[in-house]
Amino acid sequence: MRQASISRKTAETEISVTVNLDGTGAHDCRTGVGFFDHMLDQLARHSLIDLTIAARGDLHIDDHHTVEDVGIALGQALTRALGDKRGIRRYGHFRLAMDDAQIATALDLSARPFLIWTVDFPTGKIGTFDTELVREFFQALSTHGGITLHVDKLHGFNSHHIAEATFKSVARALREAVEPDPRLGDALPSTKGAL
């Protein structure tokens, strides 16, 4: 039962997230932030993690709280769905090209959150979406998902392509990391005895 649901309510946002690690990439993401919904759909589709997100936030101020808090709730849901992490591959990496953009991702579901981020954007906005929020989302996901996450931009001059390639690259690395390892059985992928 590698599924989980998280509800998170603050003075700034109200969010519910449901994940199924053994899904097909089905998605229903409604945050009120159109570009962000598009990116979350990519995350689900390319990770093959079924993802349902409903968020209401203080968008009259800006998108920051909504984007960050979705990252927090999604990280918590992934942690809960993974349980004790027995039998998973644990590590994932993927280098993804999308037109002018190329993004390399490597991650470890280590319970030791750390973000290395070398992704810069040539513009401050994609439509009305602040490009700095892409990093904010992945920082929150890394911290609350207990993920060591390295994301590096190798090429790119179109902000939309860079952002989308980033979400897709992380998705493919995450897909690899959460998959059961047929050679591992029910063992823990660590010599420490705990993750």
N, C-alpha and C. Protein backbone atom coordinates (compact mmCIF):
# COMPACT_ATOMS: atom_id res chain seq x y z
N MET A 1 0.85 -1.19 0.00
CA MET A 1 0.00 0.00 0.00
C MET A 1 0.88 1.24 0.00
N ARG A 2 1.55 1.51 -1.09
CA ARG A 2 2.48 2.64 -1.15
C ARG A 2 1.71 3.89 -1.58
N GLN A 3 0.76 4.25 -0.72
CA GLN A 3 -0.08 5.41 -0.97
C GLN A 3 -0.15 6.23 0.30
N ALA A 4 -0.41 7.53 0.14
CA ALA A 4 -0.54 8.38 1.31
C ALA A 4 -1.31 9.64 0.95
N SER A 5 -1.93 10.21 1.97
CA SER A 5 -2.61 11.50 1.83
C SER A 5 -2.15 12.41 2.96
N ILE A 6 -1.99 13.67 2.64
CA ILE A 6 -1.58 14.69 3.61
C ILE A 6 -2.52 15.89 3.47
N SER A 7 -2.95 16.42 4.59
CA SER A 7 -3.68 17.69 4.60
C SER A 7 -2.88 18.68 5.42
N ARG A 8 -2.78 19.89 4.91
CA ARG A 8 -2.00 20.92 5.58
C ARG A 8 -2.78 22.22 5.52
N LYS A 9 -2.99 22.84 6.68
CA LYS A 9 -3.73 24.09 6.73
C LYS A 9 -2.98 25.10 7.58
N THR A 10 -2.74 26.28 7.00
CA THR A 10 -2.12 27.38 7.73
C THR A 10 -2.96 28.62 7.49
N ALA A 11 -2.51 29.74 8.04
CA ALA A 11 -3.21 31.00 7.79
C ALA A 11 -3.06 31.45 6.34
N GLU A 12 -2.10 30.84 5.61
CA GLU A 12 -1.82 31.27 4.24
C GLU A 12 -2.35 30.30 3.18
N THR A 13 -2.41 29.01 3.52
CA THR A 13 -2.81 28.01 2.53
C THR A 13 -3.61 26.88 3.16
N GLU A 14 -4.37 26.20 2.31
CA GLU A 14 -5.05 24.96 2.69
C GLU A 14 -4.83 23.97 1.56
N ILE A 15 -4.16 22.86 1.87
CA ILE A 15 -3.67 21.96 0.83
C ILE A 15 -3.96 20.51 1.19
N SER A 16 -4.39 19.74 0.19
CA SER A 16 -4.48 18.29 0.35
C SER A 16 -3.72 17.64 -0.81
N VAL A 17 -2.96 16.61 -0.47
CA VAL A 17 -2.15 15.90 -1.45
C VAL A 17 -2.35 14.40 -1.25
N THR A 18 -2.56 13.69 -2.35
CA THR A 18 -2.64 12.23 -2.33
C THR A 18 -1.67 11.69 -3.37
N VAL A 19 -0.86 10.71 -2.98
CA VAL A 19 0.08 10.08 -3.91
C VAL A 19 -0.10 8.57 -3.90
N ASN A 20 0.16 7.97 -5.06
CA ASN A 20 0.22 6.52 -5.20
C ASN A 20 1.51 6.22 -5.96
N LEU A 21 2.48 5.66 -5.27
CA LEU A 21 3.79 5.43 -5.87
C LEU A 21 3.76 4.39 -6.98
N ASP A 22 2.75 3.54 -6.98
CA ASP A 22 2.64 2.48 -7.97
C ASP A 22 1.55 2.78 -9.00
N GLY A 23 1.45 4.03 -9.36
CA GLY A 23 0.41 4.46 -10.29
C GLY A 23 0.86 4.44 -11.74
N THR A 24 0.16 5.22 -12.52
CA THR A 24 0.44 5.32 -13.96
C THR A 24 0.74 6.75 -14.38
N GLY A 25 0.84 7.65 -13.39
CA GLY A 25 1.07 9.06 -13.71
C GLY A 25 -0.21 9.85 -13.83
N ALA A 26 -1.33 9.28 -13.39
CA ALA A 26 -2.60 10.02 -13.40
C ALA A 26 -2.47 11.25 -12.51
N HIS A 27 -3.09 12.35 -12.92
CA HIS A 27 -2.91 13.58 -12.16
C HIS A 27 -4.17 14.46 -12.20
N ASP A 28 -4.38 15.12 -11.09
CA ASP A 28 -5.44 16.12 -10.96
C ASP A 28 -4.90 17.17 -10.00
N CYS A 29 -4.23 18.18 -10.55
CA CYS A 29 -3.54 19.19 -9.75
C CYS A 29 -4.20 20.54 -9.95
N ARG A 30 -4.73 21.07 -8.87
CA ARG A 30 -5.46 22.34 -8.93
C ARG A 30 -5.00 23.24 -7.78
N THR A 31 -4.09 24.14 -8.12
CA THR A 31 -3.53 25.04 -7.11
C THR A 31 -3.98 26.48 -7.30
N GLY A 32 -4.60 26.77 -8.43
CA GLY A 32 -4.93 28.15 -8.75
C GLY A 32 -3.81 28.88 -9.46
N VAL A 33 -2.68 28.20 -9.64
CA VAL A 33 -1.52 28.78 -10.33
C VAL A 33 -1.31 27.94 -11.59
N GLY A 34 -1.74 28.47 -12.73
CA GLY A 34 -1.80 27.68 -13.96
C GLY A 34 -0.50 27.04 -14.38
N PHE A 35 0.57 27.82 -14.43
CA PHE A 35 1.86 27.26 -14.85
C PHE A 35 2.34 26.19 -13.88
N PHE A 36 2.14 26.41 -12.60
CA PHE A 36 2.55 25.44 -11.58
C PHE A 36 1.77 24.14 -11.73
N ASP A 37 0.46 24.24 -11.99
CA ASP A 37 -0.34 23.04 -12.24
C ASP A 37 0.23 22.25 -13.41
N HIS A 38 0.62 22.96 -14.46
CA HIS A 38 1.21 22.31 -15.63
C HIS A 38 2.49 21.57 -15.25
N MET A 39 3.31 22.16 -14.39
CA MET A 39 4.55 21.53 -13.95
C MET A 39 4.27 20.31 -13.05
N LEU A 40 3.28 20.42 -12.18
CA LEU A 40 2.92 19.29 -11.32
C LEU A 40 2.38 18.13 -12.14
N ASP A 41 1.63 18.44 -13.19
CA ASP A 41 1.15 17.40 -14.10
C ASP A 41 2.34 16.66 -14.73
N GLN A 42 3.38 17.42 -15.11
CA GLN A 42 4.58 16.81 -15.69
C GLN A 42 5.27 15.91 -14.66
N LEU A 43 5.34 16.38 -13.42
CA LEU A 43 5.97 15.61 -12.36
C LEU A 43 5.27 14.27 -12.18
N ALA A 44 3.94 14.29 -12.17
CA ALA A 44 3.17 13.04 -12.02
C ALA A 44 3.36 12.14 -13.23
N ARG A 45 3.16 12.70 -14.41
CA ARG A 45 3.17 11.90 -15.64
C ARG A 45 4.50 11.19 -15.85
N HIS A 46 5.60 11.87 -15.58
CA HIS A 46 6.91 11.30 -15.89
C HIS A 46 7.52 10.50 -14.73
N SER A 47 6.96 10.63 -13.54
CA SER A 47 7.39 9.79 -12.42
C SER A 47 6.54 8.53 -12.31
N LEU A 48 5.38 8.52 -13.00
CA LEU A 48 4.37 7.47 -12.89
C LEU A 48 3.80 7.38 -11.49
N ILE A 49 3.88 8.47 -10.75
CA ILE A 49 3.26 8.57 -9.43
C ILE A 49 1.91 9.27 -9.63
N ASP A 50 0.83 8.58 -9.26
CA ASP A 50 -0.48 9.23 -9.32
C ASP A 50 -0.49 10.36 -8.30
N LEU A 51 -1.00 11.50 -8.71
CA LEU A 51 -0.90 12.70 -7.88
C LEU A 51 -2.19 13.51 -7.95
N THR A 52 -2.78 13.72 -6.80
CA THR A 52 -3.95 14.59 -6.69
C THR A 52 -3.60 15.70 -5.70
N ILE A 53 -3.72 16.94 -6.15
CA ILE A 53 -3.40 18.08 -5.30
C ILE A 53 -4.52 19.11 -5.41
N ALA A 54 -5.03 19.53 -4.28
CA ALA A 54 -5.99 20.63 -4.23
C ALA A 54 -5.42 21.66 -3.26
N ALA A 55 -5.29 22.89 -3.74
CA ALA A 55 -4.70 23.94 -2.90
C ALA A 55 -5.48 25.23 -3.04
N ARG A 56 -5.70 25.86 -1.91
CA ARG A 56 -6.24 27.22 -1.89
C ARG A 56 -5.27 28.07 -1.09
N GLY A 57 -4.75 29.12 -1.72
CA GLY A 57 -3.76 29.94 -1.04
C GLY A 57 -4.04 31.42 -1.21
N ASP A 58 -3.21 32.21 -0.59
CA ASP A 58 -3.36 33.68 -0.61
C ASP A 58 -2.77 34.25 -1.91
N LEU A 59 -3.36 33.85 -3.02
CA LEU A 59 -2.86 34.27 -4.33
C LEU A 59 -3.04 35.76 -4.58
N HIS A 60 -3.86 36.41 -3.78
CA HIS A 60 -4.00 37.86 -3.90
C HIS A 60 -2.72 38.57 -3.45
N ILE A 61 -1.89 37.86 -2.68
CA ILE A 61 -0.59 38.41 -2.29
C ILE A 61 0.43 38.05 -3.38
N ASP A 62 0.69 36.76 -3.55
CA ASP A 62 1.47 36.23 -4.67
C ASP A 62 1.39 34.72 -4.63
N ASP A 63 2.17 34.04 -5.46
CA ASP A 63 2.09 32.58 -5.56
C ASP A 63 3.02 31.86 -4.59
N HIS A 64 3.85 32.62 -3.88
CA HIS A 64 4.95 32.02 -3.12
C HIS A 64 4.46 30.99 -2.10
N HIS A 65 3.53 31.39 -1.22
CA HIS A 65 3.09 30.50 -0.15
C HIS A 65 2.47 29.22 -0.70
N THR A 66 1.68 29.36 -1.76
CA THR A 66 1.03 28.18 -2.35
C THR A 66 2.05 27.22 -2.91
N VAL A 67 3.00 27.71 -3.68
CA VAL A 67 4.00 26.85 -4.31
C VAL A 67 4.87 26.17 -3.24
N GLU A 68 5.34 26.93 -2.28
CA GLU A 68 6.19 26.37 -1.23
C GLU A 68 5.44 25.33 -0.40
N ASP A 69 4.21 25.65 -0.02
CA ASP A 69 3.45 24.74 0.85
C ASP A 69 3.03 23.47 0.12
N VAL A 70 2.80 23.55 -1.18
CA VAL A 70 2.56 22.33 -1.95
C VAL A 70 3.81 21.45 -1.92
N GLY A 71 4.98 22.05 -2.05
CA GLY A 71 6.23 21.30 -1.95
C GLY A 71 6.37 20.62 -0.60
N ILE A 72 6.01 21.33 0.47
CA ILE A 72 6.06 20.76 1.82
C ILE A 72 5.14 19.55 1.93
N ALA A 73 3.87 19.74 1.53
CA ALA A 73 2.88 18.67 1.65
C ALA A 73 3.21 17.47 0.77
N LEU A 74 3.71 17.73 -0.44
CA LEU A 74 4.09 16.63 -1.33
C LEU A 74 5.27 15.85 -0.76
N GLY A 75 6.25 16.55 -0.21
CA GLY A 75 7.37 15.87 0.43
C GLY A 75 6.92 14.99 1.58
N GLN A 76 6.00 15.48 2.39
CA GLN A 76 5.48 14.71 3.51
C GLN A 76 4.70 13.49 3.02
N ALA A 77 3.93 13.66 1.95
CA ALA A 77 3.15 12.54 1.40
C ALA A 77 4.07 11.46 0.84
N LEU A 78 5.13 11.87 0.15
CA LEU A 78 6.08 10.89 -0.38
C LEU A 78 6.75 10.11 0.75
N THR A 79 7.14 10.81 1.80
CA THR A 79 7.77 10.16 2.96
C THR A 79 6.84 9.13 3.57
N ARG A 80 5.59 9.50 3.75
CA ARG A 80 4.61 8.58 4.34
C ARG A 80 4.38 7.38 3.44
N ALA A 81 4.26 7.61 2.13
CA ALA A 81 4.00 6.51 1.19
C ALA A 81 5.18 5.54 1.11
N LEU A 82 6.39 6.04 1.30
CA LEU A 82 7.58 5.19 1.22
C LEU A 82 7.76 4.33 2.47
N GLY A 83 7.14 4.72 3.57
CA GLY A 83 7.25 3.95 4.80
C GLY A 83 8.70 3.80 5.24
N ASP A 84 9.11 2.56 5.55
CA ASP A 84 10.49 2.36 6.02
C ASP A 84 11.48 2.19 4.87
N LYS A 85 11.00 2.28 3.63
CA LYS A 85 11.82 2.28 2.40
C LYS A 85 12.46 0.93 2.09
N ARG A 86 11.93 -0.12 2.68
CA ARG A 86 12.45 -1.44 2.37
C ARG A 86 12.16 -1.80 0.92
N GLY A 87 13.16 -2.34 0.24
CA GLY A 87 12.98 -2.87 -1.09
C GLY A 87 13.03 -1.88 -2.23
N ILE A 88 13.24 -0.58 -1.94
CA ILE A 88 13.27 0.41 -3.03
C ILE A 88 14.69 0.56 -3.57
N ARG A 89 14.79 1.14 -4.75
CA ARG A 89 16.11 1.38 -5.34
C ARG A 89 16.87 2.49 -4.59
N ARG A 90 16.14 3.44 -4.03
CA ARG A 90 16.68 4.53 -3.21
C ARG A 90 17.32 5.66 -4.02
N TYR A 91 18.17 5.32 -4.98
CA TYR A 91 18.87 6.33 -5.77
C TYR A 91 18.21 6.46 -7.15
N GLY A 92 18.28 7.66 -7.70
CA GLY A 92 17.80 7.88 -9.06
C GLY A 92 18.56 9.01 -9.72
N HIS A 93 18.69 8.90 -11.02
CA HIS A 93 19.32 10.00 -11.77
C HIS A 93 18.73 10.02 -13.18
N PHE A 94 18.69 11.20 -13.75
CA PHE A 94 18.19 11.32 -15.12
C PHE A 94 18.68 12.63 -15.72
N ARG A 95 19.14 12.53 -16.95
CA ARG A 95 19.59 13.70 -17.71
C ARG A 95 18.59 13.88 -18.85
N LEU A 96 17.89 15.00 -18.83
CA LEU A 96 16.77 15.19 -19.75
C LEU A 96 16.98 16.41 -20.64
N ALA A 97 16.73 16.20 -21.93
CA ALA A 97 16.81 17.29 -22.91
C ALA A 97 15.40 17.68 -23.34
N MET A 98 15.16 18.98 -23.40
CA MET A 98 13.91 19.50 -23.95
C MET A 98 14.27 20.74 -24.77
N ASP A 99 14.30 20.57 -26.09
CA ASP A 99 14.67 21.65 -26.98
C ASP A 99 16.04 22.22 -26.57
N ASP A 100 16.10 23.48 -26.21
CA ASP A 100 17.38 24.11 -25.86
C ASP A 100 17.87 23.74 -24.47
N ALA A 101 16.98 23.21 -23.63
CA ALA A 101 17.30 22.98 -22.22
C ALA A 101 17.76 21.55 -21.98
N GLN A 102 18.77 21.40 -21.12
CA GLN A 102 19.20 20.09 -20.66
C GLN A 102 19.46 20.17 -19.16
N ILE A 103 18.78 19.29 -18.42
CA ILE A 103 18.86 19.28 -16.97
C ILE A 103 19.31 17.91 -16.50
N ALA A 104 20.24 17.89 -15.56
CA ALA A 104 20.71 16.65 -14.95
C ALA A 104 20.27 16.62 -13.48
N THR A 105 19.64 15.52 -13.10
CA THR A 105 19.17 15.34 -11.73
C THR A 105 19.77 14.07 -11.15
N ALA A 106 20.22 14.14 -9.91
CA ALA A 106 20.60 12.96 -9.14
C ALA A 106 20.00 13.11 -7.76
N LEU A 107 19.43 12.01 -7.23
CA LEU A 107 18.80 12.12 -5.92
C LEU A 107 18.97 10.84 -5.12
N ASP A 108 18.81 11.01 -3.82
CA ASP A 108 18.92 9.91 -2.86
C ASP A 108 17.80 10.08 -1.84
N LEU A 109 16.97 9.06 -1.69
CA LEU A 109 15.89 9.09 -0.69
C LEU A 109 16.48 8.67 0.65
N SER A 110 17.35 9.51 1.15
CA SER A 110 18.25 9.19 2.26
C SER A 110 17.72 9.58 3.63
N ALA A 111 16.65 10.37 3.68
CA ALA A 111 16.17 11.02 4.91
C ALA A 111 17.14 12.09 5.38
N ARG A 112 18.08 12.47 4.51
CA ARG A 112 19.02 13.56 4.80
C ARG A 112 18.79 14.65 3.74
N PRO A 113 17.91 15.58 4.01
CA PRO A 113 17.59 16.59 2.99
C PRO A 113 18.77 17.50 2.70
N PHE A 114 19.00 17.69 1.41
CA PHE A 114 20.04 18.63 0.97
C PHE A 114 19.74 18.96 -0.48
N LEU A 115 19.80 20.23 -0.81
CA LEU A 115 19.55 20.67 -2.19
C LEU A 115 20.79 21.34 -2.76
N ILE A 116 21.26 20.81 -3.88
CA ILE A 116 22.26 21.49 -4.70
C ILE A 116 21.53 21.95 -5.95
N TRP A 117 21.59 23.23 -6.26
CA TRP A 117 20.77 23.83 -7.31
C TRP A 117 21.63 24.76 -8.15
N THR A 118 21.87 24.39 -9.40
CA THR A 118 22.63 25.27 -10.30
C THR A 118 21.78 25.62 -11.53
N VAL A 119 20.50 25.84 -11.28
CA VAL A 119 19.56 26.18 -12.36
C VAL A 119 19.28 27.67 -12.30
N ASP A 120 19.65 28.38 -13.35
CA ASP A 120 19.32 29.80 -13.44
C ASP A 120 18.38 30.01 -14.62
N PHE A 121 17.61 31.08 -14.52
CA PHE A 121 16.62 31.41 -15.55
C PHE A 121 16.97 32.76 -16.17
N PRO A 122 16.86 32.87 -17.49
CA PRO A 122 17.18 34.15 -18.14
C PRO A 122 16.12 35.23 -17.91
N THR A 123 14.91 34.82 -17.49
CA THR A 123 13.85 35.79 -17.23
C THR A 123 13.34 35.60 -15.80
N GLY A 124 12.78 36.65 -15.25
CA GLY A 124 12.23 36.59 -13.90
C GLY A 124 10.85 35.97 -13.85
N LYS A 125 10.19 35.90 -14.99
CA LYS A 125 8.83 35.36 -15.02
C LYS A 125 8.62 34.47 -16.24
N ILE A 126 7.72 33.50 -16.08
CA ILE A 126 7.17 32.73 -17.19
C ILE A 126 5.69 33.06 -17.17
N GLY A 127 5.26 33.91 -18.09
CA GLY A 127 3.91 34.48 -17.97
C GLY A 127 3.85 35.32 -16.72
N THR A 128 2.99 34.93 -15.77
CA THR A 128 2.90 35.65 -14.50
C THR A 128 3.60 34.90 -13.36
N PHE A 129 4.21 33.76 -13.68
CA PHE A 129 4.83 32.90 -12.67
C PHE A 129 6.27 33.32 -12.41
N ASP A 130 6.62 33.55 -11.15
CA ASP A 130 7.99 33.93 -10.78
C ASP A 130 8.91 32.71 -10.89
N THR A 131 9.95 32.82 -11.71
CA THR A 131 10.84 31.67 -11.92
C THR A 131 11.60 31.27 -10.65
N GLU A 132 11.79 32.20 -9.71
CA GLU A 132 12.49 31.85 -8.47
C GLU A 132 11.70 30.83 -7.65
N LEU A 133 10.39 30.68 -7.94
CA LEU A 133 9.57 29.74 -7.19
C LEU A 133 9.84 28.29 -7.57
N VAL A 134 10.49 28.07 -8.70
CA VAL A 134 10.85 26.70 -9.06
C VAL A 134 11.82 26.15 -8.01
N ARG A 135 12.83 26.94 -7.67
CA ARG A 135 13.75 26.50 -6.62
C ARG A 135 13.04 26.36 -5.28
N GLU A 136 12.16 27.28 -4.95
CA GLU A 136 11.44 27.23 -3.67
C GLU A 136 10.66 25.92 -3.54
N PHE A 137 10.02 25.51 -4.63
CA PHE A 137 9.27 24.25 -4.61
C PHE A 137 10.20 23.07 -4.33
N PHE A 138 11.31 22.99 -5.05
CA PHE A 138 12.20 21.85 -4.88
C PHE A 138 12.94 21.89 -3.54
N GLN A 139 13.18 23.08 -2.99
CA GLN A 139 13.75 23.17 -1.65
C GLN A 139 12.79 22.58 -0.63
N ALA A 140 11.51 22.94 -0.74
CA ALA A 140 10.50 22.42 0.19
C ALA A 140 10.33 20.91 0.02
N LEU A 141 10.30 20.44 -1.23
CA LEU A 141 10.16 19.01 -1.50
C LEU A 141 11.34 18.23 -0.92
N SER A 142 12.55 18.73 -1.12
CA SER A 142 13.75 18.09 -0.60
C SER A 142 13.73 18.04 0.92
N THR A 143 13.44 19.16 1.54
CA THR A 143 13.47 19.25 3.00
C THR A 143 12.45 18.33 3.64
N HIS A 144 11.22 18.36 3.15
CA HIS A 144 10.14 17.62 3.81
C HIS A 144 9.98 16.20 3.27
N GLY A 145 10.65 15.89 2.16
CA GLY A 145 10.69 14.53 1.66
C GLY A 145 11.94 13.79 2.08
N GLY A 146 12.84 14.47 2.78
CA GLY A 146 14.09 13.85 3.21
C GLY A 146 14.94 13.41 2.03
N ILE A 147 15.02 14.26 1.01
CA ILE A 147 15.68 13.91 -0.24
C ILE A 147 16.97 14.71 -0.41
N THR A 148 18.07 14.01 -0.65
CA THR A 148 19.27 14.67 -1.15
C THR A 148 19.05 14.85 -2.64
N LEU A 149 18.99 16.11 -3.08
CA LEU A 149 18.58 16.42 -4.46
C LEU A 149 19.57 17.36 -5.10
N HIS A 150 20.16 16.90 -6.20
CA HIS A 150 21.07 17.73 -6.98
C HIS A 150 20.44 17.97 -8.35
N VAL A 151 20.29 19.24 -8.70
CA VAL A 151 19.70 19.60 -10.00
C VAL A 151 20.62 20.61 -10.67
N ASP A 152 21.10 20.24 -11.86
CA ASP A 152 22.06 21.08 -12.57
C ASP A 152 21.56 21.38 -13.98
N LYS A 153 21.60 22.66 -14.34
CA LYS A 153 21.29 23.05 -15.72
C LYS A 153 22.57 22.98 -16.54
N LEU A 154 22.53 22.19 -17.60
CA LEU A 154 23.67 22.07 -18.49
C LEU A 154 23.56 23.04 -19.66
N HIS A 155 22.33 23.24 -20.13
CA HIS A 155 22.06 24.17 -21.23
C HIS A 155 20.67 24.75 -21.04
N GLY A 156 20.41 25.86 -21.74
CA GLY A 156 19.06 26.40 -21.77
C GLY A 156 19.03 27.90 -21.86
N PHE A 157 18.16 28.41 -22.74
CA PHE A 157 17.97 29.86 -22.82
C PHE A 157 16.50 30.26 -22.80
N ASN A 158 15.58 29.28 -22.83
CA ASN A 158 14.16 29.57 -22.76
C ASN A 158 13.66 29.16 -21.37
N SER A 159 13.14 30.12 -20.61
CA SER A 159 12.77 29.86 -19.22
C SER A 159 11.72 28.77 -19.09
N HIS A 160 10.73 28.77 -19.98
CA HIS A 160 9.69 27.73 -19.92
C HIS A 160 10.31 26.35 -20.12
N HIS A 161 11.17 26.22 -21.11
CA HIS A 161 11.81 24.93 -21.37
C HIS A 161 12.69 24.50 -20.19
N ILE A 162 13.40 25.44 -19.60
CA ILE A 162 14.27 25.12 -18.45
C ILE A 162 13.43 24.60 -17.29
N ALA A 163 12.35 25.29 -16.97
CA ALA A 163 11.49 24.87 -15.86
C ALA A 163 10.87 23.51 -16.12
N GLU A 164 10.35 23.32 -17.32
CA GLU A 164 9.68 22.06 -17.63
C GLU A 164 10.67 20.90 -17.66
N ALA A 165 11.85 21.13 -18.22
CA ALA A 165 12.87 20.08 -18.23
C ALA A 165 13.29 19.72 -16.81
N THR A 166 13.30 20.70 -15.92
CA THR A 166 13.65 20.45 -14.52
C THR A 166 12.63 19.54 -13.86
N PHE A 167 11.35 19.86 -14.00
CA PHE A 167 10.31 19.02 -13.40
C PHE A 167 10.34 17.60 -13.99
N LYS A 168 10.55 17.50 -15.29
CA LYS A 168 10.57 16.18 -15.93
C LYS A 168 11.80 15.37 -15.52
N SER A 169 12.94 16.02 -15.41
CA SER A 169 14.16 15.34 -15.01
C SER A 169 14.06 14.82 -13.58
N VAL A 170 13.56 15.66 -12.68
CA VAL A 170 13.36 15.22 -11.29
C VAL A 170 12.35 14.08 -11.25
N ALA A 171 11.31 14.18 -12.05
CA ALA A 171 10.29 13.13 -12.08
C ALA A 171 10.89 11.78 -12.47
N ARG A 172 11.70 11.77 -13.51
CA ARG A 172 12.28 10.51 -13.98
C ARG A 172 13.26 9.94 -12.96
N ALA A 173 14.02 10.80 -12.29
CA ALA A 173 14.92 10.32 -11.24
C ALA A 173 14.13 9.78 -10.05
N LEU A 174 13.04 10.45 -9.71
CA LEU A 174 12.19 10.00 -8.61
C LEU A 174 11.55 8.66 -8.93
N ARG A 175 11.11 8.52 -10.18
CA ARG A 175 10.53 7.25 -10.62
C ARG A 175 11.50 6.10 -10.36
N GLU A 176 12.75 6.29 -10.73
CA GLU A 176 13.76 5.24 -10.54
C GLU A 176 13.97 4.95 -9.06
N ALA A 177 14.04 5.99 -8.24
CA ALA A 177 14.38 5.83 -6.83
C ALA A 177 13.28 5.13 -6.03
N VAL A 178 12.01 5.39 -6.34
CA VAL A 178 10.92 4.81 -5.55
C VAL A 178 10.55 3.41 -6.01
N GLU A 179 11.04 2.98 -7.17
CA GLU A 179 10.68 1.66 -7.69
C GLU A 179 11.24 0.55 -6.81
N PRO A 180 10.47 -0.52 -6.66
CA PRO A 180 11.00 -1.69 -5.96
C PRO A 180 12.17 -2.29 -6.76
N ASP A 181 13.20 -2.70 -6.04
CA ASP A 181 14.35 -3.35 -6.65
C ASP A 181 14.13 -4.86 -6.57
N PRO A 182 13.95 -5.54 -7.71
CA PRO A 182 13.63 -6.97 -7.66
C PRO A 182 14.74 -7.82 -7.04
N ARG A 183 15.96 -7.33 -7.01
CA ARG A 183 17.06 -8.09 -6.43
C ARG A 183 17.17 -7.86 -4.92
N LEU A 184 16.54 -6.80 -4.43
CA LEU A 184 16.68 -6.43 -3.02
C LEU A 184 15.68 -7.14 -2.12
N GLY A 185 14.53 -7.52 -2.69
CA GLY A 185 13.50 -8.15 -1.86
C GLY A 185 12.96 -7.16 -0.84
N ASP A 186 12.92 -7.58 0.42
CA ASP A 186 12.38 -6.74 1.49
C ASP A 186 13.50 -6.09 2.30
N ALA A 187 14.72 -6.13 1.77
CA ALA A 187 15.86 -5.58 2.51
C ALA A 187 15.87 -4.05 2.41
N LEU A 188 16.55 -3.45 3.35
CA LEU A 188 16.71 -2.00 3.38
C LEU A 188 17.93 -1.62 2.54
N PRO A 189 17.80 -0.62 1.66
CA PRO A 189 18.95 -0.24 0.83
C PRO A 189 19.95 0.65 1.58
N SER A 190 20.46 0.12 2.69
CA SER A 190 21.42 0.87 3.50
C SER A 190 22.17 -0.11 4.41
N THR A 191 23.42 0.20 4.69
CA THR A 191 24.19 -0.62 5.65
C THR A 191 23.98 -0.15 7.08
N LYS A 192 23.25 0.97 7.25
CA LYS A 192 23.06 1.53 8.60
C LYS A 192 21.93 0.85 9.36
N GLY A 193 21.07 0.15 8.62
CA GLY A 193 19.94 -0.49 9.27
C GLY A 193 18.71 0.37 9.38
N ALA A 194 18.81 1.60 8.90
CA ALA A 194 17.66 2.51 8.93
C ALA A 194 17.89 3.63 7.92
N LEU A 195 16.79 4.13 7.38
CA LEU A 195 16.82 5.30 6.51
C LEU A 195 15.85 6.34 7.04
